[in-house]
Amino acid sequence: MVRQTGFRGAPENRCQGVRPISVSGKSSPPVEGLSFEAALKELETIVSKLEQGAVDLEDSIALYERGQALKTHCEAKLKAAEGRLEKIVMGAGGPALGAVETA
């Protein structure tokens, strides 16, 4: 008995009539220039495509690489926002607020 994995049909049947997707860095905007929201939206799209399993191996690898870059970019944006918020809190008498919260 043959167990089926996540593929629908044989690979040669699965790819017929499917237009190749463009995943190269040339057609996608540079990650560094994206806002947090745009990067997160693109990352969600990539995850969805990879979960569906309808992308060939080479495109999957390229999507995964782009996804990793987007994840790193989002993390950096969040860390920068956290730093800005800490400066705002510290400038507004933050240590006193922290003492009140722990009491």
N, C-alpha and C. Protein backbone atom coordinates (compact mmCIF):
# COMPACT_ATOMS: atom_id res chain seq x y z
N MET A 1 0.84 -1.18 0.00
CA MET A 1 0.00 0.00 0.00
C MET A 1 0.89 1.25 0.00
N VAL A 2 0.59 2.20 -0.85
CA VAL A 2 1.36 3.43 -0.97
C VAL A 2 0.65 4.54 -0.20
N ARG A 3 1.42 5.18 0.68
CA ARG A 3 0.86 6.32 1.43
C ARG A 3 1.07 7.59 0.65
N GLN A 4 0.04 8.41 0.59
CA GLN A 4 0.18 9.69 -0.08
C GLN A 4 0.65 10.73 0.92
N THR A 5 1.55 11.57 0.47
CA THR A 5 1.96 12.70 1.31
C THR A 5 1.08 13.87 0.94
N GLY A 6 1.54 15.07 1.10
CA GLY A 6 0.71 16.25 0.86
C GLY A 6 0.52 16.60 -0.61
N PHE A 7 1.14 15.89 -1.54
CA PHE A 7 1.03 16.24 -2.95
C PHE A 7 -0.27 15.73 -3.55
N ARG A 8 -0.83 16.54 -4.42
CA ARG A 8 -2.05 16.16 -5.14
C ARG A 8 -1.65 15.67 -6.52
N GLY A 9 -1.56 14.39 -6.69
CA GLY A 9 -1.20 13.84 -7.99
C GLY A 9 0.30 13.76 -8.16
N ALA A 10 0.70 13.18 -9.26
CA ALA A 10 2.13 13.06 -9.55
C ALA A 10 2.69 14.42 -9.89
N PRO A 11 3.96 14.65 -9.59
CA PRO A 11 4.56 15.96 -9.86
C PRO A 11 4.40 16.43 -11.30
N GLU A 12 4.52 15.51 -12.26
CA GLU A 12 4.41 15.94 -13.65
C GLU A 12 2.99 16.42 -13.97
N ASN A 13 1.97 15.87 -13.32
CA ASN A 13 0.59 16.31 -13.53
C ASN A 13 0.30 17.60 -12.77
N ARG A 14 0.93 17.74 -11.64
CA ARG A 14 0.68 18.87 -10.77
C ARG A 14 1.16 20.19 -11.40
N CYS A 15 2.20 20.15 -12.19
CA CYS A 15 2.80 21.36 -12.72
C CYS A 15 2.27 21.78 -14.08
N GLN A 16 1.50 20.93 -14.74
CA GLN A 16 1.00 21.28 -16.07
C GLN A 16 0.02 22.44 -15.98
N GLY A 17 0.23 23.43 -16.80
CA GLY A 17 -0.67 24.58 -16.84
C GLY A 17 -0.47 25.57 -15.72
N VAL A 18 0.52 25.35 -14.89
CA VAL A 18 0.77 26.28 -13.78
C VAL A 18 1.85 27.25 -14.20
N ARG A 19 1.54 28.53 -14.10
CA ARG A 19 2.51 29.57 -14.45
C ARG A 19 3.55 29.66 -13.34
N PRO A 20 4.85 29.68 -13.67
CA PRO A 20 5.87 29.77 -12.63
C PRO A 20 5.72 31.08 -11.84
N ILE A 21 5.96 30.99 -10.55
CA ILE A 21 5.88 32.19 -9.72
C ILE A 21 7.23 32.88 -9.74
N SER A 22 7.23 34.16 -9.53
CA SER A 22 8.46 34.92 -9.48
C SER A 22 8.81 35.14 -8.02
N VAL A 23 9.93 34.60 -7.60
CA VAL A 23 10.33 34.73 -6.21
C VAL A 23 11.73 35.33 -6.07
N SER A 24 12.31 35.73 -7.17
CA SER A 24 13.67 36.28 -7.10
C SER A 24 13.65 37.66 -6.48
N GLY A 25 14.77 38.07 -5.94
CA GLY A 25 14.88 39.38 -5.32
C GLY A 25 14.68 40.51 -6.31
N LYS A 26 14.83 40.25 -7.61
CA LYS A 26 14.69 41.30 -8.61
C LYS A 26 13.25 41.77 -8.75
N SER A 27 12.29 40.87 -8.65
CA SER A 27 10.90 41.25 -8.84
C SER A 27 10.24 41.67 -7.54
N SER A 28 10.83 41.34 -6.41
CA SER A 28 10.29 41.72 -5.12
C SER A 28 11.02 42.95 -4.61
N PRO A 29 10.31 43.84 -3.91
CA PRO A 29 10.99 45.01 -3.37
C PRO A 29 12.01 44.60 -2.31
N PRO A 30 13.06 45.38 -2.14
CA PRO A 30 14.06 45.05 -1.11
C PRO A 30 13.40 45.01 0.27
N VAL A 31 13.76 44.02 1.04
CA VAL A 31 13.17 43.84 2.37
C VAL A 31 13.42 45.07 3.24
N GLU A 32 14.61 45.63 3.15
CA GLU A 32 14.98 46.75 4.00
C GLU A 32 14.07 47.96 3.82
N GLY A 33 13.47 48.11 2.66
CA GLY A 33 12.62 49.26 2.38
C GLY A 33 11.17 49.08 2.77
N LEU A 34 10.81 47.88 3.25
CA LEU A 34 9.42 47.61 3.57
C LEU A 34 9.05 48.09 4.98
N SER A 35 7.82 48.53 5.12
CA SER A 35 7.31 48.83 6.45
C SER A 35 7.08 47.52 7.19
N PHE A 36 6.89 47.60 8.49
CA PHE A 36 6.62 46.40 9.27
C PHE A 36 5.37 45.70 8.74
N GLU A 37 4.32 46.49 8.50
CA GLU A 37 3.05 45.91 8.05
C GLU A 37 3.17 45.24 6.69
N ALA A 38 3.89 45.87 5.76
CA ALA A 38 4.06 45.28 4.43
C ALA A 38 4.90 44.00 4.50
N ALA A 39 5.94 44.03 5.32
CA ALA A 39 6.79 42.84 5.47
C ALA A 39 6.02 41.69 6.10
N LEU A 40 5.22 42.00 7.10
CA LEU A 40 4.43 40.97 7.77
C LEU A 40 3.40 40.37 6.83
N LYS A 41 2.76 41.21 6.03
CA LYS A 41 1.77 40.72 5.08
C LYS A 41 2.42 39.79 4.04
N GLU A 42 3.58 40.20 3.53
CA GLU A 42 4.28 39.34 2.56
C GLU A 42 4.72 38.03 3.21
N LEU A 43 5.18 38.10 4.45
CA LEU A 43 5.58 36.90 5.17
C LEU A 43 4.40 35.94 5.34
N GLU A 44 3.24 36.48 5.67
CA GLU A 44 2.05 35.65 5.80
C GLU A 44 1.68 34.98 4.48
N THR A 45 1.84 35.70 3.38
CA THR A 45 1.56 35.15 2.05
C THR A 45 2.52 34.00 1.74
N ILE A 46 3.80 34.20 2.06
CA ILE A 46 4.81 33.16 1.82
C ILE A 46 4.50 31.92 2.64
N VAL A 47 4.18 32.10 3.90
CA VAL A 47 3.86 30.95 4.76
C VAL A 47 2.67 30.19 4.19
N SER A 48 1.66 30.91 3.74
CA SER A 48 0.49 30.27 3.16
C SER A 48 0.85 29.44 1.93
N LYS A 49 1.67 30.01 1.05
CA LYS A 49 2.09 29.28 -0.16
C LYS A 49 2.86 28.02 0.19
N LEU A 50 3.76 28.14 1.16
CA LEU A 50 4.56 26.98 1.54
C LEU A 50 3.70 25.92 2.22
N GLU A 51 2.73 26.31 3.00
CA GLU A 51 1.85 25.35 3.66
C GLU A 51 0.97 24.60 2.67
N GLN A 52 0.59 25.27 1.59
CA GLN A 52 -0.24 24.62 0.58
C GLN A 52 0.52 23.53 -0.17
N GLY A 53 1.83 23.66 -0.25
CA GLY A 53 2.64 22.64 -0.90
C GLY A 53 2.54 22.61 -2.40
N ALA A 54 2.03 23.66 -3.02
CA ALA A 54 1.85 23.68 -4.47
C ALA A 54 2.99 24.40 -5.19
N VAL A 55 4.13 24.57 -4.51
CA VAL A 55 5.27 25.27 -5.08
C VAL A 55 6.39 24.26 -5.26
N ASP A 56 7.07 24.35 -6.42
CA ASP A 56 8.15 23.39 -6.65
C ASP A 56 9.34 23.66 -5.72
N LEU A 57 10.28 22.75 -5.67
CA LEU A 57 11.37 22.79 -4.71
C LEU A 57 12.19 24.07 -4.79
N GLU A 58 12.62 24.43 -5.98
CA GLU A 58 13.46 25.63 -6.13
C GLU A 58 12.73 26.89 -5.66
N ASP A 59 11.46 27.02 -6.04
CA ASP A 59 10.68 28.18 -5.61
C ASP A 59 10.42 28.13 -4.10
N SER A 60 10.26 26.94 -3.56
CA SER A 60 10.07 26.80 -2.12
C SER A 60 11.30 27.31 -1.37
N ILE A 61 12.46 26.95 -1.87
CA ILE A 61 13.69 27.40 -1.23
C ILE A 61 13.81 28.92 -1.30
N ALA A 62 13.53 29.48 -2.47
CA ALA A 62 13.60 30.93 -2.64
C ALA A 62 12.57 31.64 -1.73
N LEU A 63 11.38 31.08 -1.64
CA LEU A 63 10.36 31.65 -0.76
C LEU A 63 10.80 31.57 0.70
N TYR A 64 11.38 30.44 1.08
CA TYR A 64 11.84 30.28 2.45
C TYR A 64 12.93 31.30 2.78
N GLU A 65 13.86 31.51 1.86
CA GLU A 65 14.91 32.50 2.07
C GLU A 65 14.33 33.89 2.22
N ARG A 66 13.39 34.25 1.36
CA ARG A 66 12.73 35.56 1.45
C ARG A 66 11.98 35.67 2.78
N GLY A 67 11.32 34.59 3.17
CA GLY A 67 10.60 34.59 4.43
C GLY A 67 11.52 34.81 5.61
N GLN A 68 12.69 34.19 5.59
CA GLN A 68 13.65 34.40 6.67
C GLN A 68 14.11 35.86 6.74
N ALA A 69 14.36 36.45 5.58
CA ALA A 69 14.77 37.86 5.54
C ALA A 69 13.64 38.76 6.06
N LEU A 70 12.42 38.45 5.69
CA LEU A 70 11.27 39.23 6.17
C LEU A 70 11.10 39.09 7.67
N LYS A 71 11.27 37.89 8.19
CA LYS A 71 11.17 37.64 9.64
C LYS A 71 12.21 38.46 10.39
N THR A 72 13.45 38.42 9.91
CA THR A 72 14.53 39.18 10.54
C THR A 72 14.23 40.68 10.51
N HIS A 73 13.71 41.15 9.38
CA HIS A 73 13.36 42.56 9.22
C HIS A 73 12.26 42.95 10.21
N CYS A 74 11.23 42.12 10.33
CA CYS A 74 10.13 42.40 11.26
C CYS A 74 10.63 42.43 12.70
N GLU A 75 11.50 41.49 13.05
CA GLU A 75 12.05 41.47 14.40
C GLU A 75 12.86 42.73 14.69
N ALA A 76 13.64 43.19 13.71
CA ALA A 76 14.42 44.41 13.89
C ALA A 76 13.51 45.63 14.05
N LYS A 77 12.45 45.68 13.26
CA LYS A 77 11.49 46.79 13.37
C LYS A 77 10.84 46.81 14.75
N LEU A 78 10.46 45.63 15.24
CA LEU A 78 9.84 45.55 16.57
C LEU A 78 10.82 45.96 17.67
N LYS A 79 12.06 45.54 17.55
CA LYS A 79 13.07 45.89 18.54
C LYS A 79 13.31 47.40 18.54
N ALA A 80 13.35 48.00 17.35
CA ALA A 80 13.54 49.45 17.25
C ALA A 80 12.35 50.19 17.88
N ALA A 81 11.15 49.70 17.63
CA ALA A 81 9.95 50.33 18.21
C ALA A 81 9.98 50.19 19.73
N GLU A 82 10.40 49.05 20.22
CA GLU A 82 10.51 48.85 21.66
C GLU A 82 11.51 49.83 22.27
N GLY A 83 12.64 50.03 21.60
CA GLY A 83 13.64 50.99 22.06
C GLY A 83 13.10 52.40 22.10
N ARG A 84 12.35 52.77 21.09
CA ARG A 84 11.74 54.11 21.07
C ARG A 84 10.75 54.28 22.21
N LEU A 85 9.95 53.24 22.46
CA LEU A 85 8.98 53.32 23.56
C LEU A 85 9.68 53.42 24.91
N GLU A 86 10.78 52.69 25.07
CA GLU A 86 11.54 52.78 26.32
C GLU A 86 12.05 54.20 26.54
N LYS A 87 12.54 54.84 25.47
CA LYS A 87 13.02 56.22 25.59
C LYS A 87 11.88 57.17 25.98
N ILE A 88 10.71 56.95 25.41
CA ILE A 88 9.55 57.79 25.74
C ILE A 88 9.19 57.61 27.22
N VAL A 89 9.13 56.37 27.66
CA VAL A 89 8.78 56.10 29.06
C VAL A 89 9.83 56.67 30.00
N MET A 90 11.11 56.48 29.67
CA MET A 90 12.18 57.00 30.52
C MET A 90 12.16 58.51 30.56
N GLY A 91 11.82 59.15 29.45
CA GLY A 91 11.75 60.60 29.40
C GLY A 91 10.56 61.16 30.16
N ALA A 92 9.55 60.33 30.36
CA ALA A 92 8.35 60.77 31.07
C ALA A 92 8.37 60.30 32.52
N GLY A 93 9.56 60.11 33.06
CA GLY A 93 9.66 59.65 34.45
C GLY A 93 9.40 58.17 34.57
N GLY A 94 9.89 57.41 33.63
CA GLY A 94 9.65 55.97 33.58
C GLY A 94 10.02 55.18 34.82
N PRO A 95 11.19 55.43 35.42
CA PRO A 95 11.53 54.62 36.58
C PRO A 95 10.50 54.74 37.71
N ALA A 96 9.91 55.91 37.87
CA ALA A 96 8.88 56.06 38.89
C ALA A 96 7.65 55.23 38.55
N LEU A 97 7.32 55.18 37.26
CA LEU A 97 6.18 54.36 36.84
C LEU A 97 6.46 52.89 37.10
N GLY A 98 7.69 52.45 36.83
CA GLY A 98 8.04 51.07 37.06
C GLY A 98 7.96 50.71 38.54
N ALA A 99 8.35 51.66 39.41
CA ALA A 99 8.28 51.40 40.85
C ALA A 99 6.84 51.27 41.30
N VAL A 100 5.94 52.05 40.70
CA VAL A 100 4.53 51.99 41.07
C VAL A 100 3.94 50.65 40.66
N GLU A 101 4.31 50.17 39.47
CA GLU A 101 3.77 48.91 38.97
C GLU A 101 4.21 47.72 39.80
N THR A 102 5.43 47.75 40.36
CA THR A 102 5.92 46.61 41.12
C THR A 102 5.41 46.64 42.56
N ALA A 103 4.91 47.78 43.02
CA ALA A 103 4.44 47.87 44.41
C ALA A 103 3.11 47.22 44.60
